[in-house]
Amino acid sequence: MSALNPPVRPEAEWQLQPYTEGSVERALPLGTRLWQQAWLRKGLILAVLAILWELLARWQDNDLLLPTFSATMRALVEGFASGELLARVGISLSVLLQGYVAGVLLAFALTLLAVSTQLGRDLLSTLTSMFNPLPAIALLPLALLWFGLGKGSLVFVLIHSVLWPLALNTFAGFQGVPETLRMAGRNYGLKGLRYALQILVPAALPAILSGLKIGWAFAWRTLIAAELVFGASSGQGGLGWYIFQNRNELYTDRVFAGLVTVVLIGLAVETLGFATLERLTVRRWGQQR
């Protein structure tokens, strides 16, 4: 009888006392906390490079070939204080923005066509195979013939430098979207542009951001090179023209000041622009470490 009706054991609930004998959390050492700051690590790298530059220039002792870091900084401050360097930067960035935005829009349109139809995929594959290996600066003579000595020529070569790498990266990102996400989008009845914007673009965002960064780098260096080649645009010269002019007049410190400005703009766009966008999107969503 006892085997059929086993005794019911009374339940017992034990209240655990909180652990108060020692600290549960322990703060990291100050050095470790400081080393975790990316801005501090990058700042140290820049400081080391500046010191090496200063030492090398003093050892060479020829300001015409290699000015010191301090002389370059003085020329940089004077250029911005006079307003000349700031005006050159504004001209270059305005042209860059026009070409970059146009290239991004065309790349997205071409990629959406490629993911929608087989003809679009063949078109993207053929055009990228033809034009992606072609340096944008090589098209500058044709651009000058077609659009004249003005912003149109610069915008044309900038579109070429942005369009193909961005289209390739975006299409590769779309191709890497898991099939489960594609099926989920179809189950919700998403088609066409809504399907691309709500399913493909968020899933392929790491590849798209990579393409945007590559396109920006290509466009920025293409613009500086184009301004160095044919100089002023419609009577106004940008940052590349500033470097070219001072090279002809043997103001090497100003040449290096212009180059430093190019580098600083690149660092600012990468740190304040793309890094912030990645932190707010793909890193927050767990798509990137």
C-alpha atoms as a PDB file:
ATOM      1  CA  MET A   1       0.000   0.000   0.000  1.00  0.00           C
ATOM      2  CA  SER A   2       2.822   2.365   0.782  1.00  0.00           C
ATOM      3  CA  ALA A   3       4.359   1.596  -2.597  1.00  0.00           C
ATOM      4  CA  LEU A   4       1.191   2.769  -4.320  1.00  0.00           C
ATOM      5  CA  ASN A   5       0.901   5.921  -2.234  1.00  0.00           C
ATOM      6  CA  PRO A   6       4.384   7.197  -1.453  1.00  0.00           C
ATOM      7  CA  PRO A   7       4.615   9.679   1.400  1.00  0.00           C
ATOM      8  CA  VAL A   8       4.491  13.317   0.415  1.00  0.00           C
ATOM      9  CA  ARG A   9       7.557  15.152   1.593  1.00  0.00           C
ATOM     10  CA  PRO A  10       6.924  18.638   2.888  1.00  0.00           C
ATOM     11  CA  GLU A  11       8.464  21.357   0.781  1.00  0.00           C
ATOM     12  CA  ALA A  12      11.130  23.493   2.350  1.00  0.00           C
ATOM     13  CA  GLU A  13      12.189  26.953   1.280  1.00  0.00           C
ATOM     14  CA  TRP A  14      15.471  28.298   2.562  1.00  0.00           C
ATOM     15  CA  GLN A  15      16.138  32.018   2.554  1.00  0.00           C
ATOM     16  CA  LEU A  16      19.735  32.668   1.544  1.00  0.00           C
ATOM     17  CA  GLN A  17      21.550  35.483   3.218  1.00  0.00           C
ATOM     18  CA  PRO A  18      23.165  38.078   0.928  1.00  0.00           C
ATOM     19  CA  TYR A  19      26.902  37.828   0.505  1.00  0.00           C
ATOM     20  CA  THR A  20      28.414  40.859   2.168  1.00  0.00           C
ATOM     21  CA  GLU A  21      31.883  39.681   3.164  1.00  0.00           C
ATOM     22  CA  GLY A  22      33.616  41.031   0.070  1.00  0.00           C
ATOM     23  CA  SER A  23      33.107  43.254  -2.967  1.00  0.00           C
ATOM     24  CA  VAL A  24      31.380  41.546  -5.868  1.00  0.00           C
ATOM     25  CA  GLU A  25      32.631  44.038  -8.454  1.00  0.00           C
ATOM     26  CA  ARG A  26      36.184  45.140  -8.846  1.00  0.00           C
ATOM     27  CA  ALA A  27      37.148  48.163 -10.889  1.00  0.00           C
ATOM     28  CA  LEU A  28      39.695  47.677 -13.642  1.00  0.00           C
ATOM     29  CA  PRO A  29      43.084  49.304 -13.204  1.00  0.00           C
ATOM     30  CA  LEU A  30      43.400  52.852 -14.499  1.00  0.00           C
ATOM     31  CA  GLY A  31      45.853  51.839 -17.203  1.00  0.00           C
ATOM     32  CA  THR A  32      43.492  49.180 -18.545  1.00  0.00           C
ATOM     33  CA  ARG A  33      40.542  51.593 -18.604  1.00  0.00           C
ATOM     34  CA  LEU A  34      42.592  54.180 -20.472  1.00  0.00           C
ATOM     35  CA  TRP A  35      43.894  51.640 -22.985  1.00  0.00           C
ATOM     36  CA  GLN A  36      40.315  50.642 -23.816  1.00  0.00           C
ATOM     37  CA  GLN A  37      39.683  54.136 -25.218  1.00  0.00           C
ATOM     38  CA  ALA A  38      40.119  53.990 -28.988  1.00  0.00           C
ATOM     39  CA  TRP A  39      40.661  57.748 -29.310  1.00  0.00           C
ATOM     40  CA  LEU A  40      43.589  57.569 -26.880  1.00  0.00           C
ATOM     41  CA  ARG A  41      45.276  54.707 -28.744  1.00  0.00           C
ATOM     42  CA  LYS A  42      44.888  56.475 -32.081  1.00  0.00           C
ATOM     43  CA  GLY A  43      46.115  59.725 -30.545  1.00  0.00           C
ATOM     44  CA  LEU A  44      49.257  57.985 -29.306  1.00  0.00           C
ATOM     45  CA  ILE A  45      49.911  56.602 -32.790  1.00  0.00           C
ATOM     46  CA  LEU A  46      49.568  60.078 -34.308  1.00  0.00           C
ATOM     47  CA  ALA A  47      51.847  61.550 -31.632  1.00  0.00           C
ATOM     48  CA  VAL A  48      54.546  58.951 -32.331  1.00  0.00           C
ATOM     49  CA  LEU A  49      54.332  59.637 -36.079  1.00  0.00           C
ATOM     50  CA  ALA A  50      54.607  63.393 -35.460  1.00  0.00           C
ATOM     51  CA  ILE A  51      57.702  62.916 -33.284  1.00  0.00           C
ATOM     52  CA  LEU A  52      59.348  60.681 -35.892  1.00  0.00           C
ATOM     53  CA  TRP A  53      58.561  63.257 -38.577  1.00  0.00           C
ATOM     54  CA  GLU A  54      60.097  66.063 -36.517  1.00  0.00           C
ATOM     55  CA  LEU A  55      63.246  64.053 -35.767  1.00  0.00           C
ATOM     56  CA  LEU A  56      63.701  62.963 -39.380  1.00  0.00           C
ATOM     57  CA  ALA A  57      63.253  66.523 -40.695  1.00  0.00           C
ATOM     58  CA  ARG A  58      65.738  67.932 -38.171  1.00  0.00           C
ATOM     59  CA  TRP A  59      68.245  65.214 -39.030  1.00  0.00           C
ATOM     60  CA  GLN A  60      67.909  65.923 -42.770  1.00  0.00           C
ATOM     61  CA  ASP A  61      68.008  69.697 -42.182  1.00  0.00           C
ATOM     62  CA  ASN A  62      66.523  70.703 -45.544  1.00  0.00           C
ATOM     63  CA  ASP A  63      63.217  72.570 -45.322  1.00  0.00           C
ATOM     64  CA  LEU A  64      62.831  72.554 -49.096  1.00  0.00           C
ATOM     65  CA  LEU A  65      62.626  68.759 -49.194  1.00  0.00           C
ATOM     66  CA  LEU A  66      61.085  67.965 -45.832  1.00  0.00           C
ATOM     67  CA  PRO A  67      59.900  70.709 -43.470  1.00  0.00           C
ATOM     68  CA  THR A  68      59.624  69.947 -39.800  1.00  0.00           C
ATOM     69  CA  PHE A  69      56.331  69.003 -38.204  1.00  0.00           C
ATOM     70  CA  SER A  70      56.291  72.273 -36.261  1.00  0.00           C
ATOM     71  CA  ALA A  71      56.829  74.334 -39.442  1.00  0.00           C
ATOM     72  CA  THR A  72      54.028  72.422 -41.160  1.00  0.00           C
ATOM     73  CA  MET A  73      51.689  73.082 -38.240  1.00  0.00           C
ATOM     74  CA  ARG A  74      52.514  76.800 -38.394  1.00  0.00           C
ATOM     75  CA  ALA A  75      51.717  76.847 -42.110  1.00  0.00           C
ATOM     76  CA  LEU A  76      48.489  74.940 -41.415  1.00  0.00           C
ATOM     77  CA  VAL A  77      47.378  77.398 -38.731  1.00  0.00           C
ATOM     78  CA  GLU A  78      48.293  80.384 -40.925  1.00  0.00           C
ATOM     79  CA  GLY A  79      46.384  78.908 -43.855  1.00  0.00           C
ATOM     80  CA  PHE A  80      43.218  78.470 -41.822  1.00  0.00           C
ATOM     81  CA  ALA A  81      43.661  81.828 -40.065  1.00  0.00           C
ATOM     82  CA  SER A  82      43.916  83.655 -43.394  1.00  0.00           C
ATOM     83  CA  GLY A  83      40.853  81.816 -44.698  1.00  0.00           C
ATOM     84  CA  GLU A  84      42.595  80.596 -47.846  1.00  0.00           C
ATOM     85  CA  LEU A  85      42.931  76.974 -46.813  1.00  0.00           C
ATOM     86  CA  LEU A  86      39.391  76.904 -45.440  1.00  0.00           C
ATOM     87  CA  ALA A  87      38.018  78.219 -48.721  1.00  0.00           C
ATOM     88  CA  ARG A  88      39.937  75.583 -50.697  1.00  0.00           C
ATOM     89  CA  VAL A  89      38.595  72.842 -48.451  1.00  0.00           C
ATOM     90  CA  GLY A  90      35.040  74.116 -48.904  1.00  0.00           C
ATOM     91  CA  ILE A  91      35.360  74.053 -52.698  1.00  0.00           C
ATOM     92  CA  SER A  92      36.721  70.502 -52.724  1.00  0.00           C
ATOM     93  CA  LEU A  93      34.126  69.160 -50.295  1.00  0.00           C
ATOM     94  CA  SER A  94      31.236  70.699 -52.204  1.00  0.00           C
ATOM     95  CA  VAL A  95      32.345  69.005 -55.433  1.00  0.00           C
ATOM     96  CA  LEU A  96      33.043  65.764 -53.583  1.00  0.00           C
ATOM     97  CA  LEU A  97      29.578  65.714 -52.033  1.00  0.00           C
ATOM     98  CA  GLN A  98      27.890  66.129 -55.421  1.00  0.00           C
ATOM     99  CA  GLY A  99      29.859  63.318 -57.047  1.00  0.00           C
ATOM    100  CA  TYR A 100      29.626  61.006 -54.039  1.00  0.00           C
ATOM    101  CA  VAL A 101      25.855  61.323 -53.630  1.00  0.00           C
ATOM    102  CA  ALA A 102      25.279  60.821 -57.351  1.00  0.00           C
ATOM    103  CA  GLY A 103      27.538  57.751 -57.368  1.00  0.00           C
ATOM    104  CA  VAL A 104      25.773  56.252 -54.337  1.00  0.00           C
ATOM    105  CA  LEU A 105      22.322  56.718 -55.875  1.00  0.00           C
ATOM    106  CA  LEU A 106      23.386  55.172 -59.177  1.00  0.00           C
ATOM    107  CA  ALA A 107      25.065  52.252 -57.392  1.00  0.00           C
ATOM    108  CA  PHE A 108      21.932  51.484 -55.367  1.00  0.00           C
ATOM    109  CA  ALA A 109      19.739  51.714 -58.465  1.00  0.00           C
ATOM    110  CA  LEU A 110      22.013  49.360 -60.418  1.00  0.00           C
ATOM    111  CA  THR A 111      22.211  46.910 -57.517  1.00  0.00           C
ATOM    112  CA  LEU A 112      18.442  46.844 -56.958  1.00  0.00           C
ATOM    113  CA  LEU A 113      18.025  46.096 -60.653  1.00  0.00           C
ATOM    114  CA  ALA A 114      20.589  43.295 -60.331  1.00  0.00           C
ATOM    115  CA  VAL A 115      18.792  41.600 -57.418  1.00  0.00           C
ATOM    116  CA  SER A 116      15.430  41.907 -59.194  1.00  0.00           C
ATOM    117  CA  THR A 117      16.136  40.521 -62.671  1.00  0.00           C
ATOM    118  CA  GLN A 118      18.597  38.237 -64.423  1.00  0.00           C
ATOM    119  CA  LEU A 119      19.226  40.944 -67.029  1.00  0.00           C
ATOM    120  CA  GLY A 120      20.174  43.319 -64.223  1.00  0.00           C
ATOM    121  CA  ARG A 121      22.674  40.800 -62.835  1.00  0.00           C
ATOM    122  CA  ASP A 122      24.241  40.348 -66.257  1.00  0.00           C
ATOM    123  CA  LEU A 123      24.375  44.119 -66.715  1.00  0.00           C
ATOM    124  CA  LEU A 124      26.062  44.679 -63.341  1.00  0.00           C
ATOM    125  CA  SER A 125      28.558  41.876 -63.925  1.00  0.00           C
ATOM    126  CA  THR A 126      29.473  43.139 -67.386  1.00  0.00           C
ATOM    127  CA  LEU A 127      29.784  46.812 -66.462  1.00  0.00           C
ATOM    128  CA  THR A 128      31.841  46.195 -63.324  1.00  0.00           C
ATOM    129  CA  SER A 129      34.179  43.879 -65.232  1.00  0.00           C
ATOM    130  CA  MET A 130      34.682  46.616 -67.823  1.00  0.00           C
ATOM    131  CA  PHE A 131      34.897  49.781 -65.738  1.00  0.00           C
ATOM    132  CA  ASN A 132      35.944  48.817 -62.221  1.00  0.00           C
ATOM    133  CA  PRO A 133      39.600  48.150 -63.198  1.00  0.00           C
ATOM    134  CA  LEU A 134      39.707  51.469 -65.084  1.00  0.00           C
ATOM    135  CA  PRO A 135      41.272  54.243 -62.952  1.00  0.00           C
ATOM    136  CA  ALA A 136      38.962  57.218 -62.598  1.00  0.00           C
ATOM    137  CA  ILE A 137      41.777  59.668 -63.278  1.00  0.00           C
ATOM    138  CA  ALA A 138      42.304  58.009 -66.679  1.00  0.00           C
ATOM    139  CA  LEU A 139      38.858  59.257 -67.717  1.00  0.00           C
ATOM    140  CA  LEU A 140      39.738  62.855 -66.898  1.00  0.00           C
ATOM    141  CA  PRO A 141      40.884  63.789 -70.458  1.00  0.00           C
ATOM    142  CA  LEU A 142      37.570  62.519 -71.871  1.00  0.00           C
ATOM    143  CA  ALA A 143      35.656  64.297 -69.127  1.00  0.00           C
ATOM    144  CA  LEU A 144      37.380  67.563 -70.012  1.00  0.00           C
ATOM    145  CA  LEU A 145      36.361  67.112 -73.656  1.00  0.00           C
ATOM    146  CA  TRP A 146      32.757  66.252 -72.804  1.00  0.00           C
ATOM    147  CA  PHE A 147      32.061  68.607 -69.898  1.00  0.00           C
ATOM    148  CA  GLY A 148      34.746  71.273 -70.173  1.00  0.00           C
ATOM    149  CA  LEU A 149      37.007  72.725 -67.509  1.00  0.00           C
ATOM    150  CA  GLY A 150      34.522  72.860 -64.660  1.00  0.00           C
ATOM    151  CA  LYS A 151      32.745  70.953 -61.943  1.00  0.00           C
ATOM    152  CA  GLY A 152      31.060  68.660 -64.458  1.00  0.00           C
ATOM    153  CA  SER A 153      34.347  66.939 -65.264  1.00  0.00           C
ATOM    154  CA  LEU A 154      35.171  66.416 -61.611  1.00  0.00           C
ATOM    155  CA  VAL A 155      31.707  65.102 -60.789  1.00  0.00           C
ATOM    156  CA  PHE A 156      31.930  62.649 -63.690  1.00  0.00           C
ATOM    157  CA  VAL A 157      35.197  61.071 -62.525  1.00  0.00           C
ATOM    158  CA  LEU A 158      33.945  61.036 -58.924  1.00  0.00           C
ATOM    159  CA  ILE A 159      30.816  59.115 -59.944  1.00  0.00           C
ATOM    160  CA  HIS A 160      33.027  56.594 -61.731  1.00  0.00           C
ATOM    161  CA  SER A 161      35.247  56.147 -58.660  1.00  0.00           C
ATOM    162  CA  VAL A 162      32.272  55.572 -56.314  1.00  0.00           C
ATOM    163  CA  LEU A 163      29.820  53.648 -58.490  1.00  0.00           C
ATOM    164  CA  TRP A 164      31.579  50.363 -59.192  1.00  0.00           C
ATOM    165  CA  PRO A 165      33.137  49.434 -55.817  1.00  0.00           C
ATOM    166  CA  LEU A 166      29.930  50.349 -53.997  1.00  0.00           C
ATOM    167  CA  ALA A 167      27.758  48.383 -56.433  1.00  0.00           C
ATOM    168  CA  LEU A 168      30.006  45.321 -56.091  1.00  0.00           C
ATOM    169  CA  ASN A 169      30.025  45.436 -52.292  1.00  0.00           C
ATOM    170  CA  THR A 170      26.280  46.010 -52.065  1.00  0.00           C
ATOM    171  CA  PHE A 171      25.486  43.179 -54.458  1.00  0.00           C
ATOM    172  CA  ALA A 172      27.840  40.834 -52.577  1.00  0.00           C
ATOM    173  CA  GLY A 173      26.075  41.778 -49.345  1.00  0.00           C
ATOM    174  CA  PHE A 174      22.671  41.069 -50.890  1.00  0.00           C
ATOM    175  CA  GLN A 175      23.896  37.696 -52.126  1.00  0.00           C
ATOM    176  CA  GLY A 176      25.004  36.808 -48.597  1.00  0.00           C
ATOM    177  CA  VAL A 177      21.600  37.392 -46.991  1.00  0.00           C
ATOM    178  CA  PRO A 178      20.442  34.104 -45.375  1.00  0.00           C
ATOM    179  CA  GLU A 179      17.636  32.272 -47.110  1.00  0.00           C
ATOM    180  CA  THR A 180      15.579  32.221 -43.899  1.00  0.00           C
ATOM    181  CA  LEU A 181      15.369  36.018 -43.930  1.00  0.00           C
ATOM    182  CA  ARG A 182      14.384  35.974 -47.582  1.00  0.00           C
ATOM    183  CA  MET A 183      11.634  33.457 -46.884  1.00  0.00           C
ATOM    184  CA  ALA A 184      10.411  35.501 -43.920  1.00  0.00           C
ATOM    185  CA  GLY A 185      10.106  38.550 -46.139  1.00  0.00           C
ATOM    186  CA  ARG A 186       8.152  36.606 -48.753  1.00  0.00           C
ATOM    187  CA  ASN A 187       5.843  35.167 -46.083  1.00  0.00           C
ATOM    188  CA  TYR A 188       4.977  38.717 -45.041  1.00  0.00           C
ATOM    189  CA  GLY A 189       4.143  39.525 -48.645  1.00  0.00           C
ATOM    190  CA  LEU A 190       7.059  41.894 -49.222  1.00  0.00           C
ATOM    191  CA  LYS A 191       7.975  42.444 -52.855  1.00  0.00           C
ATOM    192  CA  GLY A 192      10.039  44.792 -54.959  1.00  0.00           C
ATOM    193  CA  LEU A 193      11.382  47.913 -53.258  1.00  0.00           C
ATOM    194  CA  ARG A 194       9.784  47.125 -49.869  1.00  0.00           C
ATOM    195  CA  TYR A 195      11.416  43.686 -49.882  1.00  0.00           C
ATOM    196  CA  ALA A 196      14.823  45.210 -50.649  1.00  0.00           C
ATOM    197  CA  LEU A 197      14.577  48.019 -48.095  1.00  0.00           C
ATOM    198  CA  GLN A 198      13.120  45.983 -45.210  1.00  0.00           C
ATOM    199  CA  ILE A 199      14.935  42.665 -45.692  1.00  0.00           C
ATOM    200  CA  LEU A 200      17.988  42.931 -47.943  1.00  0.00           C
ATOM    201  CA  VAL A 201      19.386  46.313 -46.914  1.00  0.00           C
ATOM    202  CA  PRO A 202      19.392  45.737 -43.108  1.00  0.00           C
ATOM    203  CA  ALA A 203      20.879  42.252 -43.496  1.00  0.00           C
ATOM    204  CA  ALA A 204      23.558  43.421 -45.953  1.00  0.00           C
ATOM    205  CA  LEU A 205      24.338  46.664 -44.114  1.00  0.00           C
ATOM    206  CA  PRO A 206      27.908  45.668 -43.078  1.00  0.00           C
ATOM    207  CA  ALA A 207      28.851  45.104 -46.711  1.00  0.00           C
ATOM    208  CA  ILE A 208      27.070  48.293 -47.772  1.00  0.00           C
ATOM    209  CA  LEU A 209      28.953  50.353 -45.179  1.00  0.00           C
ATOM    210  CA  SER A 210      32.211  48.800 -46.334  1.00  0.00           C
ATOM    211  CA  GLY A 211      31.384  49.800 -49.905  1.00  0.00           C
ATOM    212  CA  LEU A 212      30.507  53.333 -48.793  1.00  0.00           C
ATOM    213  CA  LYS A 213      33.870  53.680 -47.055  1.00  0.00           C
ATOM    214  CA  ILE A 214      35.765  52.335 -50.066  1.00  0.00           C
ATOM    215  CA  GLY A 215      33.826  54.632 -52.388  1.00  0.00           C
ATOM    216  CA  TRP A 216      34.544  57.633 -50.156  1.00  0.00           C
ATOM    217  CA  ALA A 217      38.282  56.882 -50.106  1.00  0.00           C
ATOM    218  CA  PHE A 218      38.387  56.428 -53.891  1.00  0.00           C
ATOM    219  CA  ALA A 219      36.410  59.626 -54.470  1.00  0.00           C
ATOM    220  CA  TRP A 220      38.524  61.731 -52.103  1.00  0.00           C
ATOM    221  CA  ARG A 221      41.870  60.749 -53.578  1.00  0.00           C
ATOM    222  CA  THR A 222      40.489  60.967 -57.136  1.00  0.00           C
ATOM    223  CA  LEU A 223      39.324  64.526 -56.496  1.00  0.00           C
ATOM    224  CA  ILE A 224      42.703  65.636 -55.117  1.00  0.00           C
ATOM    225  CA  ALA A 225      44.509  63.980 -58.031  1.00  0.00           C
ATOM    226  CA  ALA A 226      42.155  65.564 -60.576  1.00  0.00           C
ATOM    227  CA  GLU A 227      42.677  69.020 -59.078  1.00  0.00           C
ATOM    228  CA  LEU A 228      46.420  68.454 -59.197  1.00  0.00           C
ATOM    229  CA  VAL A 229      46.206  67.474 -62.883  1.00  0.00           C
ATOM    230  CA  PHE A 230      44.184  70.309 -64.371  1.00  0.00           C
ATOM    231  CA  GLY A 231      44.093  72.796 -61.509  1.00  0.00           C
ATOM    232  CA  ALA A 232      41.276  75.231 -60.935  1.00  0.00           C
ATOM    233  CA  SER A 233      37.653  74.479 -61.723  1.00  0.00           C
ATOM    234  CA  SER A 234      35.675  77.372 -63.212  1.00  0.00           C
ATOM    235  CA  GLY A 235      38.201  79.863 -61.862  1.00  0.00           C
ATOM    236  CA  GLN A 236      38.133  78.307 -58.382  1.00  0.00           C
ATOM    237  CA  GLY A 237      40.740  75.894 -57.093  1.00  0.00           C
ATOM    238  CA  GLY A 238      40.230  73.313 -54.398  1.00  0.00           C
ATOM    239  CA  LEU A 239      42.607  71.668 -52.001  1.00  0.00           C
ATOM    240  CA  GLY A 240      44.518  69.866 -54.751  1.00  0.00           C
ATOM    241  CA  TRP A 241      45.042  73.175 -56.552  1.00  0.00           C
ATOM    242  CA  TYR A 242      46.319  74.697 -53.284  1.00  0.00           C
ATOM    243  CA  ILE A 243      48.938  71.939 -53.055  1.00  0.00           C
ATOM    244  CA  PHE A 244      49.863  72.334 -56.739  1.00  0.00           C
ATOM    245  CA  GLN A 245      50.254  76.118 -56.517  1.00  0.00           C
ATOM    246  CA  ASN A 246      52.482  76.010 -53.445  1.00  0.00           C
ATOM    247  CA  ARG A 247      54.595  73.251 -54.977  1.00  0.00           C
ATOM    248  CA  ASN A 248      55.296  75.506 -57.972  1.00  0.00           C
ATOM    249  CA  GLU A 249      56.228  78.383 -55.653  1.00  0.00           C
ATOM    250  CA  LEU A 250      58.429  76.064 -53.516  1.00  0.00           C
ATOM    251  CA  TYR A 251      56.419  76.626 -50.318  1.00  0.00           C
ATOM    252  CA  THR A 252      57.005  73.083 -49.146  1.00  0.00           C
ATOM    253  CA  ASP A 253      55.597  73.718 -45.681  1.00  0.00           C
ATOM    254  CA  ARG A 254      52.303  74.790 -47.264  1.00  0.00           C
ATOM    255  CA  VAL A 255      52.363  71.712 -49.502  1.00  0.00           C
ATOM    256  CA  PHE A 256      52.666  69.518 -46.431  1.00  0.00           C
ATOM    257  CA  ALA A 257      49.982  71.591 -44.698  1.00  0.00           C
ATOM    258  CA  GLY A 258      47.635  70.784 -47.585  1.00  0.00           C
ATOM    259  CA  LEU A 259      48.522  67.098 -47.375  1.00  0.00           C
ATOM    260  CA  VAL A 260      47.932  67.113 -43.620  1.00  0.00           C
ATOM    261  CA  THR A 261      44.530  68.700 -44.266  1.00  0.00           C
ATOM    262  CA  VAL A 262      43.676  65.873 -46.664  1.00  0.00           C
ATOM    263  CA  VAL A 263      44.625  63.332 -43.991  1.00  0.00           C
ATOM    264  CA  LEU A 264      42.719  65.136 -41.230  1.00  0.00           C
ATOM    265  CA  ILE A 265      39.551  65.273 -43.319  1.00  0.00           C
ATOM    266  CA  GLY A 266      39.885  61.553 -44.007  1.00  0.00           C
ATOM    267  CA  LEU A 267      40.305  60.816 -40.295  1.00  0.00           C
ATOM    268  CA  ALA A 268      37.334  63.024 -39.402  1.00  0.00           C
ATOM    269  CA  VAL A 269      35.022  61.350 -41.924  1.00  0.00           C
ATOM    270  CA  GLU A 270      36.105  57.894 -40.782  1.00  0.00           C
ATOM    271  CA  THR A 271      35.940  58.620 -37.038  1.00  0.00           C
ATOM    272  CA  LEU A 272      32.951  60.941 -36.807  1.00  0.00           C
ATOM    273  CA  GLY A 273      31.005  59.684 -39.795  1.00  0.00           C
ATOM    274  CA  PHE A 274      31.362  56.004 -40.631  1.00  0.00           C
ATOM    275  CA  ALA A 275      32.450  54.836 -37.162  1.00  0.00           C
ATOM    276  CA  THR A 276      29.425  56.550 -35.597  1.00  0.00           C
ATOM    277  CA  LEU A 277      27.105  55.053 -38.212  1.00  0.00           C
ATOM    278  CA  GLU A 278      28.515  51.580 -37.575  1.00  0.00           C
ATOM    279  CA  ARG A 279      28.144  51.988 -33.808  1.00  0.00           C
ATOM    280  CA  LEU A 280      24.494  53.028 -34.144  1.00  0.00           C
ATOM    281  CA  THR A 281      23.576  50.267 -36.596  1.00  0.00           C
ATOM    282  CA  VAL A 282      25.556  47.091 -37.238  1.00  0.00           C
ATOM    283  CA  ARG A 283      27.373  46.972 -33.877  1.00  0.00           C
ATOM    284  CA  ARG A 284      24.213  47.683 -31.917  1.00  0.00           C
ATOM    285  CA  TRP A 285      22.390  44.999 -33.912  1.00  0.00           C
ATOM    286  CA  GLY A 286      25.169  42.439 -33.306  1.00  0.00           C
ATOM    287  CA  GLN A 287      26.163  42.192 -36.982  1.00  0.00           C
ATOM    288  CA  GLN A 288      29.713  43.376 -36.371  1.00  0.00           C
ATOM    289  CA  ARG A 289      32.165  43.160 -33.507  1.00  0.00           C
END
